[in-house]
Amino acid sequence: MLKVLVRGVCVNPGVVVGKSRIINCVEDLERVKNGEIVVLPRSDPQYALGLYKAGAVVCEVGGKLSHLCIVSMEMGIPCVTQAVRARELIPDETMVCVDATNGEISINIGNK
């Protein structure tokens, strides 16, 4: 069973399952591995450098026309923005499902 941890606004649709990677500063991008779900505090051009490895992007602050959102669309990466408190609610290095089509980030809490 999936439990929705965070809801936001869809920027680029798609559904991706992967390990979450909480990013608090630009230096944290060095920890990102291929296919991980990158969870960012805000849209900032500096964070765009780390997106080439991301399976999906979740951003706490930023509109659909913010730099990060436009870059994710150009790169074809599913993206959810305005996911308030995402870095607090999504555990680091945990398998999560990003349903960017519906703007939901979920975690599996059972065997079914």
N, C-alpha and C. Protein backbone atom coordinates (compact mmCIF):
# COMPACT_ATOMS: atom_id res chain seq x y z
N MET A 1 0.84 -1.17 0.00
CA MET A 1 0.00 0.00 0.00
C MET A 1 0.90 1.25 0.00
N LEU A 2 0.53 2.21 -0.82
CA LEU A 2 1.30 3.45 -0.89
C LEU A 2 0.71 4.51 0.01
N LYS A 3 1.56 5.22 0.71
CA LYS A 3 1.15 6.35 1.54
C LYS A 3 1.73 7.61 0.92
N VAL A 4 0.87 8.57 0.60
CA VAL A 4 1.32 9.83 0.02
C VAL A 4 1.98 10.66 1.11
N LEU A 5 3.25 11.01 0.88
CA LEU A 5 4.00 11.82 1.84
C LEU A 5 3.86 13.31 1.55
N VAL A 6 3.87 13.65 0.27
CA VAL A 6 3.87 15.05 -0.14
C VAL A 6 3.08 15.20 -1.43
N ARG A 7 2.40 16.33 -1.55
CA ARG A 7 1.72 16.67 -2.80
C ARG A 7 2.27 18.00 -3.29
N GLY A 8 2.31 18.14 -4.60
CA GLY A 8 2.78 19.37 -5.21
C GLY A 8 2.12 19.58 -6.55
N VAL A 9 2.77 20.37 -7.37
CA VAL A 9 2.25 20.73 -8.69
C VAL A 9 3.09 20.04 -9.75
N CYS A 10 2.43 19.37 -10.69
CA CYS A 10 3.12 18.70 -11.78
C CYS A 10 3.75 19.73 -12.71
N VAL A 11 5.02 19.52 -13.02
CA VAL A 11 5.72 20.35 -14.00
C VAL A 11 5.95 19.54 -15.27
N ASN A 12 6.49 18.35 -15.11
CA ASN A 12 6.75 17.45 -16.22
C ASN A 12 6.23 16.08 -15.80
N PRO A 13 5.24 15.52 -16.50
CA PRO A 13 4.60 14.29 -16.05
C PRO A 13 5.50 13.06 -16.18
N GLY A 14 5.12 12.05 -15.43
CA GLY A 14 5.81 10.76 -15.46
C GLY A 14 5.76 10.13 -14.09
N VAL A 15 6.02 8.83 -14.03
CA VAL A 15 6.04 8.10 -12.77
C VAL A 15 7.40 7.40 -12.67
N VAL A 16 8.08 7.63 -11.55
CA VAL A 16 9.41 7.07 -11.33
C VAL A 16 9.50 6.53 -9.91
N VAL A 17 10.08 5.34 -9.77
CA VAL A 17 10.37 4.78 -8.45
C VAL A 17 11.89 4.77 -8.30
N GLY A 18 12.35 5.28 -7.18
CA GLY A 18 13.79 5.32 -6.95
C GLY A 18 14.11 5.75 -5.54
N LYS A 19 15.40 5.74 -5.23
CA LYS A 19 15.87 6.13 -3.90
C LYS A 19 15.89 7.65 -3.80
N SER A 20 15.38 8.17 -2.70
CA SER A 20 15.37 9.62 -2.49
C SER A 20 16.76 10.12 -2.10
N ARG A 21 17.06 11.32 -2.55
CA ARG A 21 18.32 11.97 -2.20
C ARG A 21 17.99 13.40 -1.79
N ILE A 22 18.04 13.68 -0.50
CA ILE A 22 17.72 15.00 0.02
C ILE A 22 18.92 15.93 -0.20
N ILE A 23 18.67 17.06 -0.83
CA ILE A 23 19.71 18.03 -1.14
C ILE A 23 19.44 19.31 -0.33
N ASN A 24 20.39 19.68 0.50
CA ASN A 24 20.26 20.90 1.30
C ASN A 24 21.15 22.03 0.80
N CYS A 25 22.19 21.67 0.06
CA CYS A 25 23.09 22.67 -0.51
C CYS A 25 23.69 22.11 -1.79
N VAL A 26 24.31 22.95 -2.57
CA VAL A 26 24.86 22.54 -3.87
C VAL A 26 25.87 21.40 -3.71
N GLU A 27 26.66 21.42 -2.65
CA GLU A 27 27.66 20.37 -2.43
C GLU A 27 27.03 18.98 -2.29
N ASP A 28 25.80 18.91 -1.82
CA ASP A 28 25.11 17.62 -1.68
C ASP A 28 24.87 16.94 -3.01
N LEU A 29 24.90 17.68 -4.11
CA LEU A 29 24.66 17.09 -5.43
C LEU A 29 25.71 16.04 -5.79
N GLU A 30 26.88 16.12 -5.16
CA GLU A 30 27.94 15.14 -5.41
C GLU A 30 27.53 13.73 -4.99
N ARG A 31 26.57 13.62 -4.07
CA ARG A 31 26.10 12.33 -3.57
C ARG A 31 25.08 11.67 -4.48
N VAL A 32 24.51 12.40 -5.43
CA VAL A 32 23.44 11.88 -6.28
C VAL A 32 23.98 10.79 -7.21
N LYS A 33 23.25 9.66 -7.22
CA LYS A 33 23.58 8.55 -8.11
C LYS A 33 22.51 8.45 -9.21
N ASN A 34 22.84 7.80 -10.30
CA ASN A 34 21.91 7.67 -11.43
C ASN A 34 20.56 7.13 -11.00
N GLY A 35 19.49 7.80 -11.45
CA GLY A 35 18.13 7.36 -11.22
C GLY A 35 17.52 7.76 -9.89
N GLU A 36 18.27 8.45 -9.04
CA GLU A 36 17.72 8.84 -7.74
C GLU A 36 16.71 9.98 -7.86
N ILE A 37 15.86 10.06 -6.87
CA ILE A 37 14.86 11.12 -6.78
C ILE A 37 15.52 12.28 -6.03
N VAL A 38 15.76 13.37 -6.72
CA VAL A 38 16.44 14.52 -6.14
C VAL A 38 15.40 15.44 -5.51
N VAL A 39 15.55 15.69 -4.20
CA VAL A 39 14.61 16.53 -3.45
C VAL A 39 15.34 17.82 -3.07
N LEU A 40 14.88 18.94 -3.65
CA LEU A 40 15.57 20.22 -3.52
C LEU A 40 14.77 21.24 -2.72
N PRO A 41 15.45 22.20 -2.09
CA PRO A 41 14.75 23.23 -1.33
C PRO A 41 14.07 24.28 -2.21
N ARG A 42 14.69 24.60 -3.35
CA ARG A 42 14.15 25.69 -4.19
C ARG A 42 14.72 25.56 -5.59
N SER A 43 14.15 26.32 -6.48
CA SER A 43 14.66 26.38 -7.84
C SER A 43 15.81 27.36 -7.88
N ASP A 44 16.97 26.88 -8.28
CA ASP A 44 18.16 27.72 -8.35
C ASP A 44 19.02 27.18 -9.49
N PRO A 45 19.52 28.03 -10.37
CA PRO A 45 20.34 27.55 -11.48
C PRO A 45 21.50 26.66 -11.06
N GLN A 46 22.04 26.86 -9.86
CA GLN A 46 23.16 26.03 -9.39
C GLN A 46 22.77 24.56 -9.27
N TYR A 47 21.50 24.29 -8.92
CA TYR A 47 21.05 22.91 -8.75
C TYR A 47 20.88 22.19 -10.07
N ALA A 48 20.75 22.91 -11.16
CA ALA A 48 20.53 22.29 -12.46
C ALA A 48 21.68 21.39 -12.87
N LEU A 49 22.88 21.65 -12.38
CA LEU A 49 24.05 20.84 -12.73
C LEU A 49 23.91 19.39 -12.27
N GLY A 50 23.15 19.16 -11.21
CA GLY A 50 22.99 17.81 -10.68
C GLY A 50 21.85 17.03 -11.27
N LEU A 51 21.09 17.62 -12.17
CA LEU A 51 19.90 16.94 -12.69
C LEU A 51 20.20 15.86 -13.71
N TYR A 52 21.36 15.87 -14.32
CA TYR A 52 21.64 14.90 -15.37
C TYR A 52 21.61 13.46 -14.85
N LYS A 53 21.76 13.24 -13.55
CA LYS A 53 21.69 11.90 -12.97
C LYS A 53 20.30 11.58 -12.42
N ALA A 54 19.46 12.57 -12.23
CA ALA A 54 18.18 12.39 -11.54
C ALA A 54 17.18 11.56 -12.34
N GLY A 55 16.45 10.70 -11.61
CA GLY A 55 15.33 9.98 -12.21
C GLY A 55 14.08 10.84 -12.17
N ALA A 56 13.98 11.68 -11.15
CA ALA A 56 12.88 12.63 -10.98
C ALA A 56 13.35 13.73 -10.04
N VAL A 57 12.62 14.85 -10.08
CA VAL A 57 12.98 16.00 -9.25
C VAL A 57 11.75 16.43 -8.45
N VAL A 58 11.98 16.70 -7.17
CA VAL A 58 10.94 17.25 -6.29
C VAL A 58 11.52 18.53 -5.71
N CYS A 59 10.77 19.61 -5.82
CA CYS A 59 11.25 20.91 -5.36
C CYS A 59 10.22 21.54 -4.42
N GLU A 60 10.68 22.05 -3.29
CA GLU A 60 9.77 22.62 -2.30
C GLU A 60 9.19 23.96 -2.74
N VAL A 61 10.01 24.78 -3.39
CA VAL A 61 9.59 26.13 -3.77
C VAL A 61 9.94 26.38 -5.22
N GLY A 62 9.04 26.99 -5.95
CA GLY A 62 9.32 27.34 -7.34
C GLY A 62 8.08 27.16 -8.18
N GLY A 63 7.92 28.01 -9.14
CA GLY A 63 6.78 27.92 -10.04
C GLY A 63 7.10 27.11 -11.27
N LYS A 64 6.09 26.88 -12.10
CA LYS A 64 6.25 26.09 -13.32
C LYS A 64 7.23 26.70 -14.30
N LEU A 65 7.46 27.99 -14.20
CA LEU A 65 8.38 28.65 -15.11
C LEU A 65 9.72 28.96 -14.45
N SER A 66 9.98 28.37 -13.30
CA SER A 66 11.28 28.57 -12.65
C SER A 66 12.36 27.85 -13.45
N HIS A 67 13.59 28.25 -13.26
CA HIS A 67 14.71 27.70 -14.01
C HIS A 67 14.78 26.17 -13.91
N LEU A 68 14.70 25.67 -12.71
CA LEU A 68 14.81 24.24 -12.47
C LEU A 68 13.71 23.46 -13.20
N CYS A 69 12.50 23.99 -13.17
CA CYS A 69 11.38 23.31 -13.82
C CYS A 69 11.54 23.30 -15.33
N ILE A 70 11.99 24.38 -15.89
CA ILE A 70 12.21 24.44 -17.34
C ILE A 70 13.31 23.47 -17.75
N VAL A 71 14.38 23.41 -16.97
CA VAL A 71 15.47 22.48 -17.27
C VAL A 71 14.98 21.04 -17.19
N SER A 72 14.17 20.71 -16.18
CA SER A 72 13.67 19.34 -16.06
C SER A 72 12.78 18.99 -17.26
N MET A 73 11.99 19.93 -17.73
CA MET A 73 11.17 19.68 -18.91
C MET A 73 12.05 19.44 -20.14
N GLU A 74 13.07 20.27 -20.31
CA GLU A 74 13.96 20.13 -21.45
C GLU A 74 14.70 18.80 -21.43
N MET A 75 15.01 18.31 -20.23
CA MET A 75 15.75 17.05 -20.09
C MET A 75 14.82 15.84 -20.04
N GLY A 76 13.50 16.07 -19.99
CA GLY A 76 12.54 14.98 -19.93
C GLY A 76 12.49 14.26 -18.60
N ILE A 77 12.80 14.99 -17.53
CA ILE A 77 12.80 14.42 -16.18
C ILE A 77 11.48 14.75 -15.49
N PRO A 78 10.74 13.74 -14.99
CA PRO A 78 9.52 14.04 -14.24
C PRO A 78 9.84 14.98 -13.08
N CYS A 79 8.96 15.97 -12.88
CA CYS A 79 9.24 17.00 -11.88
C CYS A 79 7.96 17.45 -11.18
N VAL A 80 8.07 17.60 -9.86
CA VAL A 80 6.99 18.14 -9.03
C VAL A 80 7.56 19.34 -8.29
N THR A 81 6.86 20.45 -8.31
CA THR A 81 7.29 21.63 -7.57
C THR A 81 6.22 22.01 -6.55
N GLN A 82 6.53 22.97 -5.71
CA GLN A 82 5.64 23.43 -4.65
C GLN A 82 5.25 22.28 -3.71
N ALA A 83 6.20 21.36 -3.51
CA ALA A 83 6.01 20.23 -2.60
C ALA A 83 6.49 20.67 -1.21
N VAL A 84 5.64 21.39 -0.52
CA VAL A 84 5.98 22.02 0.75
C VAL A 84 6.44 20.98 1.78
N ARG A 85 7.59 21.26 2.42
CA ARG A 85 8.18 20.43 3.46
C ARG A 85 8.67 19.08 2.95
N ALA A 86 8.93 18.95 1.66
CA ALA A 86 9.35 17.66 1.09
C ALA A 86 10.62 17.14 1.74
N ARG A 87 11.61 18.00 1.98
CA ARG A 87 12.87 17.54 2.58
C ARG A 87 12.67 17.06 4.01
N GLU A 88 11.65 17.56 4.65
CA GLU A 88 11.34 17.14 6.02
C GLU A 88 10.54 15.84 6.04
N LEU A 89 9.64 15.67 5.09
CA LEU A 89 8.71 14.54 5.10
C LEU A 89 9.19 13.30 4.35
N ILE A 90 10.11 13.48 3.41
CA ILE A 90 10.65 12.35 2.66
C ILE A 90 11.97 11.93 3.29
N PRO A 91 12.06 10.70 3.76
CA PRO A 91 13.32 10.24 4.36
C PRO A 91 14.42 10.11 3.29
N ASP A 92 15.63 10.49 3.64
CA ASP A 92 16.76 10.36 2.72
C ASP A 92 17.08 8.89 2.48
N GLU A 93 17.46 8.56 1.26
CA GLU A 93 17.87 7.21 0.87
C GLU A 93 16.77 6.17 1.08
N THR A 94 15.53 6.55 0.79
CA THR A 94 14.39 5.66 0.92
C THR A 94 13.72 5.51 -0.44
N MET A 95 13.27 4.30 -0.75
CA MET A 95 12.58 4.08 -2.02
C MET A 95 11.23 4.79 -1.99
N VAL A 96 11.03 5.68 -2.94
CA VAL A 96 9.79 6.42 -3.05
C VAL A 96 9.28 6.35 -4.48
N CYS A 97 8.01 6.66 -4.65
CA CYS A 97 7.39 6.73 -5.96
C CYS A 97 7.00 8.18 -6.22
N VAL A 98 7.53 8.74 -7.29
CA VAL A 98 7.15 10.10 -7.69
C VAL A 98 6.16 9.96 -8.84
N ASP A 99 4.91 10.32 -8.58
CA ASP A 99 3.89 10.37 -9.62
C ASP A 99 3.75 11.83 -10.01
N ALA A 100 4.63 12.26 -10.89
CA ALA A 100 4.65 13.68 -11.26
C ALA A 100 3.40 14.05 -12.04
N THR A 101 2.73 13.08 -12.66
CA THR A 101 1.51 13.36 -13.40
C THR A 101 0.44 13.90 -12.47
N ASN A 102 0.37 13.34 -11.25
CA ASN A 102 -0.63 13.76 -10.26
C ASN A 102 -0.03 14.62 -9.15
N GLY A 103 1.28 14.86 -9.20
CA GLY A 103 1.93 15.70 -8.19
C GLY A 103 2.04 15.06 -6.83
N GLU A 104 2.24 13.72 -6.79
CA GLU A 104 2.29 13.02 -5.51
C GLU A 104 3.60 12.24 -5.34
N ILE A 105 4.13 12.27 -4.12
CA ILE A 105 5.30 11.49 -3.77
C ILE A 105 4.87 10.54 -2.67
N SER A 106 5.05 9.22 -2.91
CA SER A 106 4.54 8.19 -2.01
C SER A 106 5.64 7.25 -1.56
N ILE A 107 5.34 6.52 -0.50
CA ILE A 107 6.24 5.49 0.01
C ILE A 107 5.41 4.24 0.23
N ASN A 108 6.02 3.07 0.00
CA ASN A 108 5.34 1.80 0.20
C ASN A 108 5.38 1.46 1.69
N ILE A 109 4.20 1.30 2.30
CA ILE A 109 4.15 1.02 3.74
C ILE A 109 3.68 -0.38 4.06
N GLY A 110 3.51 -1.21 3.04
CA GLY A 110 3.07 -2.59 3.28
C GLY A 110 3.54 -3.50 2.18
N ASN A 111 3.15 -4.76 2.28
CA ASN A 111 3.57 -5.75 1.27
C ASN A 111 2.69 -5.77 0.04
N LYS A 112 1.54 -5.13 0.10
CA LYS A 112 0.61 -5.20 -1.03
C LYS A 112 0.70 -3.99 -1.90
